[in-house]
Protein backbone atom coordinates (compact mmCIF):
# COMPACT_ATOMS: atom_id res chain seq x y z
CA MET A 1 156.30 50.63 56.19
CA SER A 2 156.32 47.21 54.60
CA ASN A 3 157.43 44.03 56.37
CA VAL A 4 158.27 42.49 52.99
CA ALA A 5 161.79 42.88 51.57
CA ALA A 6 162.77 42.56 47.92
CA VAL A 7 165.22 39.87 46.81
CA ASN A 8 167.14 39.54 43.57
CA GLU A 9 169.61 37.19 41.92
CA THR A 10 172.44 38.54 44.10
CA ASP A 11 170.87 37.85 47.51
CA PHE A 12 168.28 35.12 46.77
CA GLY A 13 170.59 32.35 47.98
CA ARG A 14 171.41 34.07 51.26
CA GLU A 15 167.93 35.40 52.01
CA VAL A 16 165.90 32.37 50.88
CA LEU A 17 167.89 29.19 50.30
CA GLU A 18 170.24 29.50 53.30
CA ASN A 19 167.48 30.60 55.66
CA GLN A 20 166.24 27.92 58.05
CA GLU A 21 162.91 29.56 58.85
CA LEU A 22 159.94 29.36 56.51
CA VAL A 23 160.40 31.85 53.66
CA VAL A 24 157.48 32.82 51.44
CA VAL A 25 158.68 34.22 48.11
CA ASP A 26 156.19 36.33 46.18
CA PHE A 27 156.99 36.21 42.47
CA TRP A 28 155.36 39.33 41.05
CA ALA A 29 155.60 42.12 38.46
CA GLU A 30 154.83 45.84 38.55
CA TRP A 31 152.17 45.52 35.81
CA CYS A 32 150.29 42.67 37.54
CA GLN A 33 147.05 43.88 39.16
CA PRO A 34 146.46 40.73 41.28
CA CYS A 35 150.07 41.10 42.50
CA LYS A 36 149.27 44.61 43.71
CA MET A 37 146.14 43.31 45.46
CA LEU A 38 148.21 40.62 47.19
CA ALA A 39 150.84 43.06 48.54
CA PRO A 40 148.89 44.20 51.65
CA VAL A 41 147.94 40.57 52.40
CA LEU A 42 151.61 39.57 52.35
CA ASP A 43 152.52 42.53 54.55
CA LYS A 44 149.90 41.44 57.09
CA ILE A 45 151.14 37.82 57.00
CA ALA A 46 154.73 39.00 57.55
CA SER A 47 153.56 41.03 60.53
CA THR A 48 151.31 38.32 61.99
CA PHE A 49 153.88 35.52 61.69
CA GLY A 50 156.97 37.65 62.42
CA GLY A 51 159.75 35.48 63.81
CA GLN A 52 158.29 32.33 62.26
CA VAL A 53 157.97 33.36 58.63
CA LYS A 54 159.99 35.63 56.39
CA VAL A 55 158.17 37.11 53.39
CA VAL A 56 160.11 38.44 50.40
CA LYS A 57 159.22 39.68 46.91
CA CYS A 58 161.01 38.71 43.70
CA ASN A 59 160.21 40.75 40.59
CA VAL A 60 160.01 38.30 37.67
CA ASP A 61 160.83 40.95 35.08
CA GLU A 62 164.08 41.85 36.84
CA ASN A 63 164.98 38.31 37.98
CA GLN A 64 164.02 36.06 35.08
CA ASN A 65 166.65 33.43 35.91
CA ILE A 66 165.16 32.78 39.35
CA ALA A 67 161.61 32.65 37.99
CA GLN A 68 162.70 30.24 35.27
CA LYS A 69 164.63 28.03 37.71
CA TYR A 70 161.47 27.54 39.82
CA GLY A 71 159.08 27.19 36.89
CA VAL A 72 157.13 30.37 37.59
CA MET A 73 154.75 30.70 34.64
CA SER A 74 151.88 32.67 36.24
CA ILE A 75 151.91 35.46 38.79
CA PRO A 76 151.32 36.15 41.55
CA ASN A 77 153.04 32.95 42.52
CA LEU A 78 154.01 32.22 46.11
CA LEU A 79 156.66 29.60 46.77
CA PHE A 80 157.17 28.39 50.33
CA PHE A 81 160.79 27.50 51.10
CA LYS A 82 161.96 25.60 54.16
CA GLY A 83 165.61 24.64 54.51
CA GLY A 84 166.28 25.76 50.94
CA GLN A 85 163.60 23.54 49.41
CA VAL A 86 160.19 24.39 47.97
CA VAL A 87 157.63 22.80 50.29
CA ASN A 88 154.40 24.42 49.05
CA GLN A 89 153.03 26.80 46.44
CA SER A 90 150.10 29.13 45.85
CA VAL A 91 149.29 30.59 42.42
CA GLY A 92 146.99 33.58 41.98
CA TYR A 93 145.46 35.98 44.45
CA VAL A 94 144.57 34.59 47.89
CA ASN A 95 142.97 36.48 50.74
CA GLU A 96 144.47 36.82 54.21
CA SER A 97 142.57 33.93 55.80
CA GLN A 98 143.45 31.56 52.94
CA LEU A 99 147.13 32.49 53.07
CA SER A 100 147.22 32.38 56.85
CA ALA A 101 145.76 28.85 56.80
CA LYS A 102 148.36 27.75 54.23
CA VAL A 103 151.20 29.22 56.31
CA LYS A 104 149.92 27.45 59.43
CA THR A 105 149.77 24.17 57.51
CA VAL A 106 153.36 24.52 56.31
CA LEU A 107 154.50 25.51 59.81
CA GLY A 108 152.64 22.53 61.24
CA THR A 109 150.65 24.66 63.71
């Protein structure tokens, strides 16, 4: 079972922008092979940092308005939101240790 929930244009505001904890949004698409490779890494990060970090997925094909609003041109694209604001970004595939280090940096730990 995945620790990563899907968000869309209906619940993006509530799940991401109104959330006070760190939220990592994975902008992805079904046809994107690096996105598929990143999925288990994100699941592990969500599990490892549970309670500190929320990880969600946003399909760019189904939610083009959100992707456009945040300038998502390449996927996978991870945006780190804190208090409704983008505070960091990662474009392309990253392994677990790289992503874990980035999360720790954003959390300040």
